[in-house]
Amino acid sequence: QALLIESGGGMAETGGSLRLSCLDSRRTFNRAAMGWFRQAPGKDREFVAVISWTGTSTAYAHPVRGRFTISRTKDKNTVTLEMNSLKPEDTAVYYCAAGRYGIRATDFESWGQGTQVTVSS
């Protein structure tokens, strides 16, 4: 059974940085696009960033563009979300997902358990 394992969540101050990682522990998705979504309390899950399986194409949601960077290791098994200039509105549970390249949750077939990111003002 495929398993995506997220790590790196936690607390940061406004303007600070955090790095999230997602490990494809079963090496199932090395030919799949990988994405990050987030869900804040009382809100729908929203797209954050996506990277193609080759790592050559990326896309970002407008609120994070220029502050967040998605990347993946050469073996394609780990995807990282580097988050800089954090804002309180970035507070959410962040989910890693694997599937086809896109920005909709329905583009992704497998999801991690989520990791909490909290940004204090």
PDB file of N, CA and C in Angstrom:
ATOM      1  N   GLN A   1       0.850  -1.186   0.000  1.00  0.00           N
ATOM      2  CA  GLN A   1       0.000   0.000   0.000  1.00  0.00           C
ATOM      3  C   GLN A   1       0.884   1.234   0.000  1.00  0.00           C
ATOM      4  N   ALA A   2       0.581   2.155  -0.915  1.00  0.00           N
ATOM      5  CA  ALA A   2       1.369   3.373  -1.006  1.00  0.00           C
ATOM      6  C   ALA A   2       1.206   4.199   0.249  1.00  0.00           C
ATOM      7  N   LEU A   3       2.253   4.917   0.608  1.00  0.00           N
ATOM      8  CA  LEU A   3       2.208   5.709   1.827  1.00  0.00           C
ATOM      9  C   LEU A   3       3.039   6.963   1.642  1.00  0.00           C
ATOM     10  N   LEU A   4       2.390   8.104   1.797  1.00  0.00           N
ATOM     11  CA  LEU A   4       3.064   9.392   1.751  1.00  0.00           C
ATOM     12  C   LEU A   4       3.216   9.898   3.176  1.00  0.00           C
ATOM     13  N   ILE A   5       4.431  10.231   3.551  1.00  0.00           N
ATOM     14  CA  ILE A   5       4.712  10.639   4.920  1.00  0.00           C
ATOM     15  C   ILE A   5       5.219  12.071   4.929  1.00  0.00           C
ATOM     16  N   GLU A   6       4.465  12.955   5.551  1.00  0.00           N
ATOM     17  CA  GLU A   6       4.859  14.362   5.647  1.00  0.00           C
ATOM     18  C   GLU A   6       5.626  14.610   6.940  1.00  0.00           C
ATOM     19  N   SER A   7       6.496  15.602   6.901  1.00  0.00           N
ATOM     20  CA  SER A   7       7.219  16.036   8.084  1.00  0.00           C
ATOM     21  C   SER A   7       7.591  17.499   7.925  1.00  0.00           C
ATOM     22  N   GLY A   8       7.981  18.117   9.022  1.00  0.00           N
ATOM     23  CA  GLY A   8       8.481  19.482   8.960  1.00  0.00           C
ATOM     24  C   GLY A   8       7.518  20.558   9.383  1.00  0.00           C
ATOM     25  N   GLY A   9       6.302  20.193   9.692  1.00  0.00           N
ATOM     26  CA  GLY A   9       5.361  21.203  10.155  1.00  0.00           C
ATOM     27  C   GLY A   9       5.758  21.716  11.529  1.00  0.00           C
ATOM     28  N   GLY A  10       5.078  22.758  11.982  1.00  0.00           N
ATOM     29  CA  GLY A  10       5.364  23.323  13.286  1.00  0.00           C
ATOM     30  C   GLY A  10       4.909  24.753  13.364  1.00  0.00           C
ATOM     31  N   MET A  11       5.574  25.495  14.223  1.00  0.00           N
ATOM     32  CA  MET A  11       5.198  26.877  14.447  1.00  0.00           C
ATOM     33  C   MET A  11       6.285  27.814  13.955  1.00  0.00           C
ATOM     34  N   ALA A  12       5.871  28.965  13.456  1.00  0.00           N
ATOM     35  CA  ALA A  12       6.801  29.995  13.001  1.00  0.00           C
ATOM     36  C   ALA A  12       6.175  31.353  13.265  1.00  0.00           C
ATOM     37  N   GLU A  13       6.999  32.352  13.316  1.00  0.00           N
ATOM     38  CA  GLU A  13       6.508  33.720  13.450  1.00  0.00           C
ATOM     39  C   GLU A  13       6.286  34.310  12.061  1.00  0.00           C
ATOM     40  N   THR A  14       5.505  35.346  12.011  1.00  0.00           N
ATOM     41  CA  THR A  14       5.311  36.050  10.745  1.00  0.00           C
ATOM     42  C   THR A  14       6.660  36.475  10.173  1.00  0.00           C
ATOM     43  N   GLY A  15       6.840  36.161   8.904  1.00  0.00           N
ATOM     44  CA  GLY A  15       8.102  36.465   8.250  1.00  0.00           C
ATOM     45  C   GLY A  15       9.113  35.344   8.322  1.00  0.00           C
ATOM     46  N   GLY A  16       8.800  34.320   9.096  1.00  0.00           N
ATOM     47  CA  GLY A  16       9.702  33.201   9.255  1.00  0.00           C
ATOM     48  C   GLY A  16       9.590  32.180   8.142  1.00  0.00           C
ATOM     49  N   SER A  17      10.285  31.061   8.324  1.00  0.00           N
ATOM     50  CA  SER A  17      10.345  30.023   7.300  1.00  0.00           C
ATOM     51  C   SER A  17      10.144  28.642   7.921  1.00  0.00           C
ATOM     52  N   LEU A  18       9.591  27.776   7.109  1.00  0.00           N
ATOM     53  CA  LEU A  18       9.471  26.357   7.446  1.00  0.00           C
ATOM     54  C   LEU A  18       9.676  25.561   6.180  1.00  0.00           C
ATOM     55  N   ARG A  19      10.129  24.333   6.361  1.00  0.00           N
ATOM     56  CA  ARG A  19      10.287  23.425   5.225  1.00  0.00           C
ATOM     57  C   ARG A  19       9.493  22.167   5.501  1.00  0.00           C
ATOM     58  N   LEU A  20       8.618  21.827   4.583  1.00  0.00           N
ATOM     59  CA  LEU A  20       7.845  20.594   4.656  1.00  0.00           C
ATOM     60  C   LEU A  20       8.437  19.572   3.696  1.00  0.00           C
ATOM     61  N   SER A  21       8.445  18.324   4.122  1.00  0.00           N
ATOM     62  CA  SER A  21       8.909  17.240   3.261  1.00  0.00           C
ATOM     63  C   SER A  21       7.841  16.164   3.163  1.00  0.00           C
ATOM     64  N   CYS A  22       7.826  15.489   2.048  1.00  0.00           N
ATOM     65  CA  CYS A  22       6.889  14.392   1.812  1.00  0.00           C
ATOM     66  C   CYS A  22       7.672  13.237   1.219  1.00  0.00           C
ATOM     67  N   LEU A  23       7.694  12.138   1.936  1.00  0.00           N
ATOM     68  CA  LEU A  23       8.423  10.962   1.502  1.00  0.00           C
ATOM     69  C   LEU A  23       7.459   9.932   0.925  1.00  0.00           C
ATOM     70  N   ASP A  24       7.752   9.496  -0.255  1.00  0.00           N
ATOM     71  CA  ASP A  24       7.023   8.379  -0.864  1.00  0.00           C
ATOM     72  C   ASP A  24       7.691   7.104  -0.360  1.00  0.00           C
ATOM     73  N   SER A  25       7.199   6.615   0.757  1.00  0.00           N
ATOM     74  CA  SER A  25       7.924   5.562   1.477  1.00  0.00           C
ATOM     75  C   SER A  25       7.944   4.235   0.725  1.00  0.00           C
ATOM     76  N   ARG A  26       6.998   4.028  -0.156  1.00  0.00           N
ATOM     77  CA  ARG A  26       6.950   2.765  -0.894  1.00  0.00           C
ATOM     78  C   ARG A  26       7.488   2.937  -2.319  1.00  0.00           C
ATOM     79  N   ARG A  27       8.008   4.126  -2.605  1.00  0.00           N
ATOM     80  CA  ARG A  27       8.558   4.414  -3.945  1.00  0.00           C
ATOM     81  C   ARG A  27       7.534   4.096  -5.038  1.00  0.00           C
ATOM     82  N   THR A  28       6.314   4.500  -4.778  1.00  0.00           N
ATOM     83  CA  THR A  28       5.214   4.199  -5.700  1.00  0.00           C
ATOM     84  C   THR A  28       5.006   5.301  -6.718  1.00  0.00           C
ATOM     85  N   PHE A  29       5.346   6.542  -6.366  1.00  0.00           N
ATOM     86  CA  PHE A  29       4.936   7.694  -7.154  1.00  0.00           C
ATOM     87  C   PHE A  29       6.100   8.415  -7.834  1.00  0.00           C
ATOM     88  N   ASN A  30       7.163   7.695  -8.144  1.00  0.00           N
ATOM     89  CA  ASN A  30       8.292   8.389  -8.754  1.00  0.00           C
ATOM     90  C   ASN A  30       8.012   8.818 -10.195  1.00  0.00           C
ATOM     91  N   ARG A  31       6.879   8.377 -10.752  1.00  0.00           N
ATOM     92  CA  ARG A  31       6.475   8.868 -12.067  1.00  0.00           C
ATOM     93  C   ARG A  31       5.159   9.634 -11.995  1.00  0.00           C
ATOM     94  N   ALA A  32       4.846  10.135 -10.820  1.00  0.00           N
ATOM     95  CA  ALA A  32       3.619  10.898 -10.626  1.00  0.00           C
ATOM     96  C   ALA A  32       3.946  12.339 -10.259  1.00  0.00           C
ATOM     97  N   ALA A  33       3.041  13.212 -10.589  1.00  0.00           N
ATOM     98  CA  ALA A  33       3.154  14.574 -10.098  1.00  0.00           C
ATOM     99  C   ALA A  33       2.882  14.571  -8.594  1.00  0.00           C
ATOM    100  N   MET A  34       3.484  15.516  -7.912  1.00  0.00           N
ATOM    101  CA  MET A  34       3.287  15.630  -6.467  1.00  0.00           C
ATOM    102  C   MET A  34       2.821  17.038  -6.153  1.00  0.00           C
ATOM    103  N   GLY A  35       1.899  17.128  -5.235  1.00  0.00           N
ATOM    104  CA  GLY A  35       1.362  18.444  -4.904  1.00  0.00           C
ATOM    105  C   GLY A  35       1.221  18.646  -3.412  1.00  0.00           C
ATOM    106  N   TRP A  36       1.033  19.899  -3.062  1.00  0.00           N
ATOM    107  CA  TRP A  36       0.723  20.277  -1.685  1.00  0.00           C
ATOM    108  C   TRP A  36      -0.599  21.031  -1.672  1.00  0.00           C
ATOM    109  N   PHE A  37      -1.427  20.676  -0.744  1.00  0.00           N
ATOM    110  CA  PHE A  37      -2.682  21.371  -0.484  1.00  0.00           C
ATOM    111  C   PHE A  37      -2.695  21.768   0.987  1.00  0.00           C
ATOM    112  N   ARG A  38      -3.594  22.661   1.338  1.00  0.00           N
ATOM    113  CA  ARG A  38      -3.728  23.030   2.745  1.00  0.00           C
ATOM    114  C   ARG A  38      -5.183  23.261   3.081  1.00  0.00           C
ATOM    115  N   GLN A  39      -5.501  23.083   4.355  1.00  0.00           N
ATOM    116  CA  GLN A  39      -6.864  23.301   4.825  1.00  0.00           C
ATOM    117  C   GLN A  39      -6.826  24.006   6.163  1.00  0.00           C
ATOM    118  N   ALA A  40      -7.373  25.195   6.182  1.00  0.00           N
ATOM    119  CA  ALA A  40      -7.475  25.962   7.416  1.00  0.00           C
ATOM    120  C   ALA A  40      -8.805  25.637   8.086  1.00  0.00           C
ATOM    121  N   PRO A  41      -8.906  25.857   9.394  1.00  0.00           N
ATOM    122  CA  PRO A  41     -10.149  25.548  10.104  1.00  0.00           C
ATOM    123  C   PRO A  41     -11.347  26.271   9.482  1.00  0.00           C
ATOM    124  N   GLY A  42     -12.392  25.508   9.208  1.00  0.00           N
ATOM    125  CA  GLY A  42     -13.607  26.088   8.660  1.00  0.00           C
ATOM    126  C   GLY A  42     -13.556  26.414   7.192  1.00  0.00           C
ATOM    127  N   LYS A  43     -12.457  26.049   6.525  1.00  0.00           N
ATOM    128  CA  LYS A  43     -12.324  26.350   5.105  1.00  0.00           C
ATOM    129  C   LYS A  43     -12.132  25.078   4.307  1.00  0.00           C
ATOM    130  N   ASP A  44     -12.357  25.177   3.004  1.00  0.00           N
ATOM    131  CA  ASP A  44     -12.142  24.043   2.115  1.00  0.00           C
ATOM    132  C   ASP A  44     -10.646  23.826   1.902  1.00  0.00           C
ATOM    133  N   ARG A  45     -10.299  22.601   1.521  1.00  0.00           N
ATOM    134  CA  ARG A  45      -8.928  22.304   1.159  1.00  0.00           C
ATOM    135  C   ARG A  45      -8.582  23.070  -0.109  1.00  0.00           C
ATOM    136  N   GLU A  46      -7.413  23.705  -0.126  1.00  0.00           N
ATOM    137  CA  GLU A  46      -7.033  24.499  -1.281  1.00  0.00           C
ATOM    138  C   GLU A  46      -5.655  24.113  -1.798  1.00  0.00           C
ATOM    139  N   PHE A  47      -5.489  24.298  -3.079  1.00  0.00           N
ATOM    140  CA  PHE A  47      -4.234  24.002  -3.757  1.00  0.00           C
ATOM    141  C   PHE A  47      -3.155  24.977  -3.319  1.00  0.00           C
ATOM    142  N   VAL A  48      -1.928  24.451  -3.159  1.00  0.00           N
ATOM    143  CA  VAL A  48      -0.781  25.296  -2.816  1.00  0.00           C
ATOM    144  C   VAL A  48       0.257  25.265  -3.940  1.00  0.00           C
ATOM    145  N   ALA A  49       0.721  24.060  -4.283  1.00  0.00           N
ATOM    146  CA  ALA A  49       1.772  23.950  -5.295  1.00  0.00           C
ATOM    147  C   ALA A  49       1.774  22.538  -5.864  1.00  0.00           C
ATOM    148  N   VAL A  50       2.331  22.412  -7.065  1.00  0.00           N
ATOM    149  CA  VAL A  50       2.450  21.108  -7.710  1.00  0.00           C
ATOM    150  C   VAL A  50       3.751  21.066  -8.493  1.00  0.00           C
ATOM    151  N   ILE A  51       4.325  19.862  -8.598  1.00  0.00           N
ATOM    152  CA  ILE A  51       5.537  19.663  -9.387  1.00  0.00           C
ATOM    153  C   ILE A  51       5.359  18.411 -10.230  1.00  0.00           C
ATOM    154  N   SER A  52       5.809  18.462 -11.467  1.00  0.00           N
ATOM    155  CA  SER A  52       5.688  17.319 -12.359  1.00  0.00           C
ATOM    156  C   SER A  52       6.628  16.207 -11.922  1.00  0.00           C
ATOM    157  N   TRP A  53       6.428  15.002 -12.490  1.00  0.00           N
ATOM    158  CA  TRP A  53       7.266  13.887 -12.048  1.00  0.00           C
ATOM    159  C   TRP A  53       8.713  14.078 -12.454  1.00  0.00           C
ATOM    160  N   THR A  54       8.942  14.835 -13.529  1.00  0.00           N
ATOM    161  CA  THR A  54      10.319  15.105 -13.934  1.00  0.00           C
ATOM    162  C   THR A  54      10.937  16.215 -13.108  1.00  0.00           C
ATOM    163  N   GLY A  55      10.104  16.985 -12.434  1.00  0.00           N
ATOM    164  CA  GLY A  55      10.607  18.120 -11.672  1.00  0.00           C
ATOM    165  C   GLY A  55      10.814  19.371 -12.494  1.00  0.00           C
ATOM    166  N   THR A  56      10.473  19.329 -13.760  1.00  0.00           N
ATOM    167  CA  THR A  56      10.751  20.466 -14.637  1.00  0.00           C
ATOM    168  C   THR A  56       9.602  21.463 -14.717  1.00  0.00           C
ATOM    169  N   SER A  57       8.414  21.054 -14.274  1.00  0.00           N
ATOM    170  CA  SER A  57       7.264  21.963 -14.304  1.00  0.00           C
ATOM    171  C   SER A  57       6.701  22.134 -12.900  1.00  0.00           C
ATOM    172  N   THR A  58       6.383  23.368 -12.563  1.00  0.00           N
ATOM    173  CA  THR A  58       5.788  23.669 -11.269  1.00  0.00           C
ATOM    174  C   THR A  58       4.669  24.690 -11.445  1.00  0.00           C
ATOM    175  N   ALA A  59       3.768  24.710 -10.492  1.00  0.00           N
ATOM    176  CA  ALA A  59       2.715  25.716 -10.479  1.00  0.00           C
ATOM    177  C   ALA A  59       2.395  26.036  -9.026  1.00  0.00           C
ATOM    178  N   TYR A  60       1.975  27.272  -8.799  1.00  0.00           N
ATOM    179  CA  TYR A  60       1.710  27.739  -7.447  1.00  0.00           C
ATOM    180  C   TYR A  60       0.390  28.484  -7.381  1.00  0.00           C
ATOM    181  N   ALA A  61      -0.250  28.398  -6.230  1.00  0.00           N
ATOM    182  CA  ALA A  61      -1.427  29.218  -5.986  1.00  0.00           C
ATOM    183  C   ALA A  61      -0.978  30.664  -5.818  1.00  0.00           C
ATOM    184  N   HIS A  62      -1.818  31.566  -6.226  1.00  0.00           N
ATOM    185  CA  HIS A  62      -1.446  32.979  -6.196  1.00  0.00           C
ATOM    186  C   HIS A  62      -1.006  33.460  -4.812  1.00  0.00           C
ATOM    187  N   PRO A  63      -1.671  33.060  -3.726  1.00  0.00           N
ATOM    188  CA  PRO A  63      -1.281  33.583  -2.398  1.00  0.00           C
ATOM    189  C   PRO A  63       0.131  33.202  -1.947  1.00  0.00           C
ATOM    190  N   VAL A  64       0.699  32.149  -2.545  1.00  0.00           N
ATOM    191  CA  VAL A  64       2.014  31.689  -2.090  1.00  0.00           C
ATOM    192  C   VAL A  64       3.108  31.942  -3.119  1.00  0.00           C
ATOM    193  N   ARG A  65       2.714  32.415  -4.290  1.00  0.00           N
ATOM    194  CA  ARG A  65       3.684  32.608  -5.360  1.00  0.00           C
ATOM    195  C   ARG A  65       4.753  33.608  -4.936  1.00  0.00           C
ATOM    196  N   GLY A  66       6.008  33.227  -5.156  1.00  0.00           N
ATOM    197  CA  GLY A  66       7.117  34.089  -4.775  1.00  0.00           C
ATOM    198  C   GLY A  66       7.595  33.868  -3.352  1.00  0.00           C
ATOM    199  N   ARG A  67       6.812  33.140  -2.557  1.00  0.00           N
ATOM    200  CA  ARG A  67       7.213  32.866  -1.162  1.00  0.00           C
ATOM    201  C   ARG A  67       7.496  31.388  -0.935  1.00  0.00           C
ATOM    202  N   PHE A  68       6.776  30.523  -1.638  1.00  0.00           N
ATOM    203  CA  PHE A  68       6.930  29.079  -1.477  1.00  0.00           C
ATOM    204  C   PHE A  68       7.630  28.500  -2.703  1.00  0.00           C
ATOM    205  N   THR A  69       8.418  27.447  -2.468  1.00  0.00           N
ATOM    206  CA  THR A  69       9.089  26.753  -3.558  1.00  0.00           C
ATOM    207  C   THR A  69       8.926  25.256  -3.379  1.00  0.00           C
ATOM    208  N   ILE A  70       8.453  24.607  -4.416  1.00  0.00           N
ATOM    209  CA  ILE A  70       8.313  23.155  -4.388  1.00  0.00           C
ATOM    210  C   ILE A  70       9.450  22.532  -5.192  1.00  0.00           C
ATOM    211  N   SER A  71       9.976  21.428  -4.701  1.00  0.00           N
ATOM    212  CA  SER A  71      11.050  20.731  -5.412  1.00  0.00           C
ATOM    213  C   SER A  71      10.976  19.246  -5.070  1.00  0.00           C
ATOM    214  N   ARG A  72      11.706  18.440  -5.841  1.00  0.00           N
ATOM    215  CA  ARG A  72      11.758  17.017  -5.543  1.00  0.00           C
ATOM    216  C   ARG A  72      13.167  16.522  -5.773  1.00  0.00           C
ATOM    217  N   THR A  73      13.527  15.477  -5.018  1.00  0.00           N
ATOM    218  CA  THR A  73      14.867  14.929  -5.128  1.00  0.00           C
ATOM    219  C   THR A  73      15.043  14.195  -6.451  1.00  0.00           C
ATOM    220  N   LYS A  74      16.304  13.957  -6.826  1.00  0.00           N
ATOM    221  CA  LYS A  74      16.581  13.314  -8.110  1.00  0.00           C
ATOM    222  C   LYS A  74      15.974  11.926  -8.186  1.00  0.00           C
ATOM    223  N   ASP A  75      15.898  11.230  -7.049  1.00  0.00           N
ATOM    224  CA  ASP A  75      15.288   9.893  -7.090  1.00  0.00           C
ATOM    225  C   ASP A  75      13.769   9.966  -7.083  1.00  0.00           C
ATOM    226  N   LYS A  76      13.250  11.205  -7.054  1.00  0.00           N
ATOM    227  CA  LYS A  76      11.809  11.479  -7.167  1.00  0.00           C
ATOM    228  C   LYS A  76      11.005  11.026  -5.957  1.00  0.00           C
ATOM    229  N   ASN A  77      11.661  10.538  -4.905  1.00  0.00           N
ATOM    230  CA  ASN A  77      10.911   9.971  -3.794  1.00  0.00           C
ATOM    231  C   ASN A  77      10.566  10.966  -2.695  1.00  0.00           C
ATOM    232  N   THR A  78      11.171  12.129  -2.706  1.00  0.00           N
ATOM    233  CA  THR A  78      10.893  13.121  -1.677  1.00  0.00           C
ATOM    234  C   THR A  78      10.570  14.459  -2.336  1.00  0.00           C
ATOM    235  N   VAL A  79       9.505  15.059  -1.878  1.00  0.00           N
ATOM    236  CA  VAL A  79       9.095  16.374  -2.356  1.00  0.00           C
ATOM    237  C   VAL A  79       9.154  17.341  -1.180  1.00  0.00           C
ATOM    238  N   THR A  80       9.701  18.506  -1.434  1.00  0.00           N
ATOM    239  CA  THR A  80       9.877  19.503  -0.385  1.00  0.00           C
ATOM    240  C   THR A  80       9.102  20.768  -0.729  1.00  0.00           C
ATOM    241  N   LEU A  81       8.521  21.371   0.279  1.00  0.00           N
ATOM    242  CA  LEU A  81       7.884  22.680   0.129  1.00  0.00           C
ATOM    243  C   LEU A  81       8.613  23.643   1.054  1.00  0.00           C
ATOM    244  N   GLU A  82       9.395  24.524   0.459  1.00  0.00           N
ATOM    245  CA  GLU A  82      10.112  25.549   1.204  1.00  0.00           C
ATOM    246  C   GLU A  82       9.180  26.757   1.336  1.00  0.00           C
ATOM    247  N   MET A  83       8.895  27.143   2.572  1.00  0.00           N
ATOM    248  CA  MET A  83       7.943  28.231   2.811  1.00  0.00           C
ATOM    249  C   MET A  83       8.661  29.390   3.489  1.00  0.00           C
ATOM    250  N   ASN A  84       8.725  30.515   2.821  1.00  0.00           N
ATOM    251  CA  ASN A  84       9.377  31.702   3.341  1.00  0.00           C
ATOM    252  C   ASN A  84       8.375  32.840   3.492  1.00  0.00           C
ATOM    253  N   SER A  85       8.786  33.864   4.225  1.00  0.00           N
ATOM    254  CA  SER A  85       7.931  35.049   4.440  1.00  0.00           C
ATOM    255  C   SER A  85       6.534  34.630   4.875  1.00  0.00           C
ATOM    256  N   LEU A  86       6.482  33.752   5.835  1.00  0.00           N
ATOM    257  CA  LEU A  86       5.203  33.199   6.271  1.00  0.00           C
ATOM    258  C   LEU A  86       4.292  34.270   6.851  1.00  0.00           C
ATOM    259  N   LYS A  87       2.993  34.061   6.642  1.00  0.00           N
ATOM    260  CA  LYS A  87       1.958  34.963   7.125  1.00  0.00           C
ATOM    261  C   LYS A  87       0.985  34.179   7.995  1.00  0.00           C
ATOM    262  N   PRO A  88       0.289  34.837   8.891  1.00  0.00           N
ATOM    263  CA  PRO A  88      -0.698  34.128   9.709  1.00  0.00           C
ATOM    264  C   PRO A  88      -1.735  33.375   8.861  1.00  0.00           C
ATOM    265  N   GLU A  89      -2.072  33.914   7.701  1.00  0.00           N
ATOM    266  CA  GLU A  89      -3.057  33.247   6.837  1.00  0.00           C
ATOM    267  C   GLU A  89      -2.513  31.974   6.191  1.00  0.00           C
ATOM    268  N   ASP A  90      -1.226  31.677   6.378  1.00  0.00           N
ATOM    269  CA  ASP A  90      -0.681  30.401   5.925  1.00  0.00           C
ATOM    270  C   ASP A  90      -0.952  29.282   6.919  1.00  0.00           C
ATOM    271  N   THR A  91      -1.481  29.630   8.077  1.00  0.00           N
ATOM    272  CA  THR A  91      -1.799  28.626   9.092  1.00  0.00           C
ATOM    273  C   THR A  91      -2.837  27.652   8.558  1.00  0.00           C
ATOM    274  N   ALA A  92      -2.487  26.370   8.599  1.00  0.00           N
ATOM    275  CA  ALA A  92      -3.375  25.334   8.056  1.00  0.00           C
ATOM    276  C   ALA A  92      -2.718  23.980   8.279  1.00  0.00           C
ATOM    277  N   VAL A  93      -3.485  22.936   8.022  1.00  0.00           N
ATOM    278  CA  VAL A  93      -2.917  21.600   7.891  1.00  0.00           C
ATOM    279  C   VAL A  93      -2.509  21.435   6.431  1.00  0.00           C
ATOM    280  N   TYR A  94      -1.272  21.057   6.213  1.00  0.00           N
ATOM    281  CA  TYR A  94      -0.735  20.895   4.864  1.00  0.00           C
ATOM    282  C   TYR A  94      -0.691  19.413   4.507  1.00  0.00           C
ATOM    283  N   TYR A  95      -1.181  19.114   3.307  1.00  0.00           N
ATOM    284  CA  TYR A  95      -1.262  17.739   2.832  1.00  0.00           C
ATOM    285  C   TYR A  95      -0.419  17.560   1.580  1.00  0.00           C
ATOM    286  N   CYS A  96       0.320  16.481   1.558  1.00  0.00           N
ATOM    287  CA  CYS A  96       1.047  16.066   0.369  1.00  0.00           C
ATOM    288  C   CYS A  96       0.142  15.126  -0.426  1.00  0.00           C
ATOM    289  N   ALA A  97       0.241  15.185  -1.734  1.00  0.00           N
ATOM    290  CA  ALA A  97      -0.597  14.345  -2.579  1.00  0.00           C
ATOM    291  C   ALA A  97       0.164  13.916  -3.822  1.00  0.00           C
ATOM    292  N   ALA A  98      -0.216  12.767  -4.370  1.00  0.00           N
ATOM    293  CA  ALA A  98       0.416  12.242  -5.578  1.00  0.00           C
ATOM    294  C   ALA A  98      -0.657  11.914  -6.601  1.00  0.00           C
ATOM    295  N   GLY A  99      -0.360  12.223  -7.858  1.00  0.00           N
ATOM    296  CA  GLY A  99      -1.333  11.932  -8.906  1.00  0.00           C
ATOM    297  C   GLY A  99      -0.896  12.532 -10.224  1.00  0.00           C
ATOM    298  N   ARG A 100      -1.824  13.146 -10.930  1.00  0.00           N
ATOM    299  CA  ARG A 100      -1.490  13.761 -12.209  1.00  0.00           C
ATOM    300  C   ARG A 100      -1.295  15.263 -12.013  1.00  0.00           C
ATOM    301  N   TYR A 101      -0.572  15.859 -12.913  1.00  0.00           N
ATOM    302  CA  TYR A 101      -0.236  17.273 -12.795  1.00  0.00           C
ATOM    303  C   TYR A 101      -1.487  18.127 -12.921  1.00  0.00           C
ATOM    304  N   GLY A 102      -1.809  18.842 -11.861  1.00  0.00           N
ATOM    305  CA  GLY A 102      -2.991  19.687 -11.885  1.00  0.00           C
ATOM    306  C   GLY A 102      -3.110  20.471 -10.607  1.00  0.00           C
ATOM    307  N   ILE A 103      -4.179  21.245 -10.478  1.00  0.00           N
ATOM    308  CA  ILE A 103      -4.367  22.090  -9.309  1.00  0.00           C
ATOM    309  C   ILE A 103      -5.640  21.746  -8.546  1.00  0.00           C
ATOM    310  N   ARG A 104      -6.340  20.725  -8.985  1.00  0.00           N
ATOM    311  CA  ARG A 104      -7.556  20.324  -8.294  1.00  0.00           C
ATOM    312  C   ARG A 104      -7.286  19.112  -7.423  1.00  0.00           C
ATOM    313  N   ALA A 105      -7.974  19.024  -6.305  1.00  0.00           N
ATOM    314  CA  ALA A 105      -7.790  17.878  -5.424  1.00  0.00           C
ATOM    315  C   ALA A 105      -8.111  16.574  -6.141  1.00  0.00           C
ATOM    316  N   THR A 106      -9.042  16.631  -7.070  1.00  0.00           N
ATOM    317  CA  THR A 106      -9.430  15.423  -7.810  1.00  0.00           C
ATOM    318  C   THR A 106      -8.361  14.955  -8.780  1.00  0.00           C
ATOM    319  N   ASP A 107      -7.338  15.760  -9.019  1.00  0.00           N
ATOM    320  CA  ASP A 107      -6.220  15.326  -9.861  1.00  0.00           C
ATOM    321  C   ASP A 107      -5.310  14.347  -9.122  1.00  0.00           C
ATOM    322  N   PHE A 108      -5.461  14.248  -7.806  1.00  0.00           N
ATOM    323  CA  PHE A 108      -4.541  13.469  -6.995  1.00  0.00           C
ATOM    324  C   PHE A 108      -5.253  12.271  -6.376  1.00  0.00           C
ATOM    325  N   GLU A 109      -4.576  11.133  -6.404  1.00  0.00           N
ATOM    326  CA  GLU A 109      -5.190   9.886  -5.981  1.00  0.00           C
ATOM    327  C   GLU A 109      -4.771   9.432  -4.599  1.00  0.00           C
ATOM    328  N   SER A 110      -3.622   9.889  -4.129  1.00  0.00           N
ATOM    329  CA  SER A 110      -3.139   9.457  -2.818  1.00  0.00           C
ATOM    330  C   SER A 110      -2.741  10.667  -2.002  1.00  0.00           C
ATOM    331  N   TRP A 111      -3.011  10.576  -0.711  1.00  0.00           N
ATOM    332  CA  TRP A 111      -2.797  11.717   0.183  1.00  0.00           C
ATOM    333  C   TRP A 111      -2.052  11.287   1.429  1.00  0.00           C
ATOM    334  N   GLY A 112      -1.244  12.215   1.949  1.00  0.00           N
ATOM    335  CA  GLY A 112      -0.621  12.002   3.235  1.00  0.00           C
ATOM    336  C   GLY A 112      -1.575  12.334   4.362  1.00  0.00           C
ATOM    337  N   GLN A 113      -1.096  12.180   5.586  1.00  0.00           N
ATOM    338  CA  GLN A 113      -1.952  12.364   6.756  1.00  0.00           C
ATOM    339  C   GLN A 113      -2.071  13.825   7.161  1.00  0.00           C
ATOM    340  N   GLY A 114      -1.221  14.675   6.635  1.00  0.00           N
ATOM    341  CA  GLY A 114      -1.274  16.099   6.947  1.00  0.00           C
ATOM    342  C   GLY A 114      -0.308  16.476   8.053  1.00  0.00           C
ATOM    343  N   THR A 115       0.189  17.709   7.983  1.00  0.00           N
ATOM    344  CA  THR A 115       1.075  18.241   9.014  1.00  0.00           C
ATOM    345  C   THR A 115       0.657  19.684   9.305  1.00  0.00           C
ATOM    346  N   GLN A 116       0.602  20.020  10.579  1.00  0.00           N
ATOM    347  CA  GLN A 116       0.116  21.336  10.981  1.00  0.00           C
ATOM    348  C   GLN A 116       1.200  22.397  10.845  1.00  0.00           C
ATOM    349  N   VAL A 117       0.820  23.512  10.259  1.00  0.00           N
ATOM    350  CA  VAL A 117       1.673  24.693  10.196  1.00  0.00           C
ATOM    351  C   VAL A 117       0.918  25.832  10.875  1.00  0.00           C
ATOM    352  N   THR A 118       1.553  26.448  11.851  1.00  0.00           N
ATOM    353  CA  THR A 118       0.942  27.559  12.567  1.00  0.00           C
ATOM    354  C   THR A 118       1.875  28.760  12.535  1.00  0.00           C
ATOM    355  N   VAL A 119       1.365  29.881  12.044  1.00  0.00           N
ATOM    356  CA  VAL A 119       2.162  31.101  11.945  1.00  0.00           C
ATOM    357  C   VAL A 119       1.561  32.134  12.883  1.00  0.00           C
ATOM    358  N   SER A 120       2.359  32.595  13.816  1.00  0.00           N
ATOM    359  CA  SER A 120       1.872  33.568  14.790  1.00  0.00           C
ATOM    360  C   SER A 120       2.157  34.984  14.301  1.00  0.00           C
ATOM    361  N   SER A 121       1.272  35.893  14.686  1.00  0.00           N
ATOM    362  CA  SER A 121       1.430  37.288  14.255  1.00  0.00           C
ATOM    363  C   SER A 121       2.298  38.076  15.220  1.00  0.00           C
TER     364      SER A 121
END
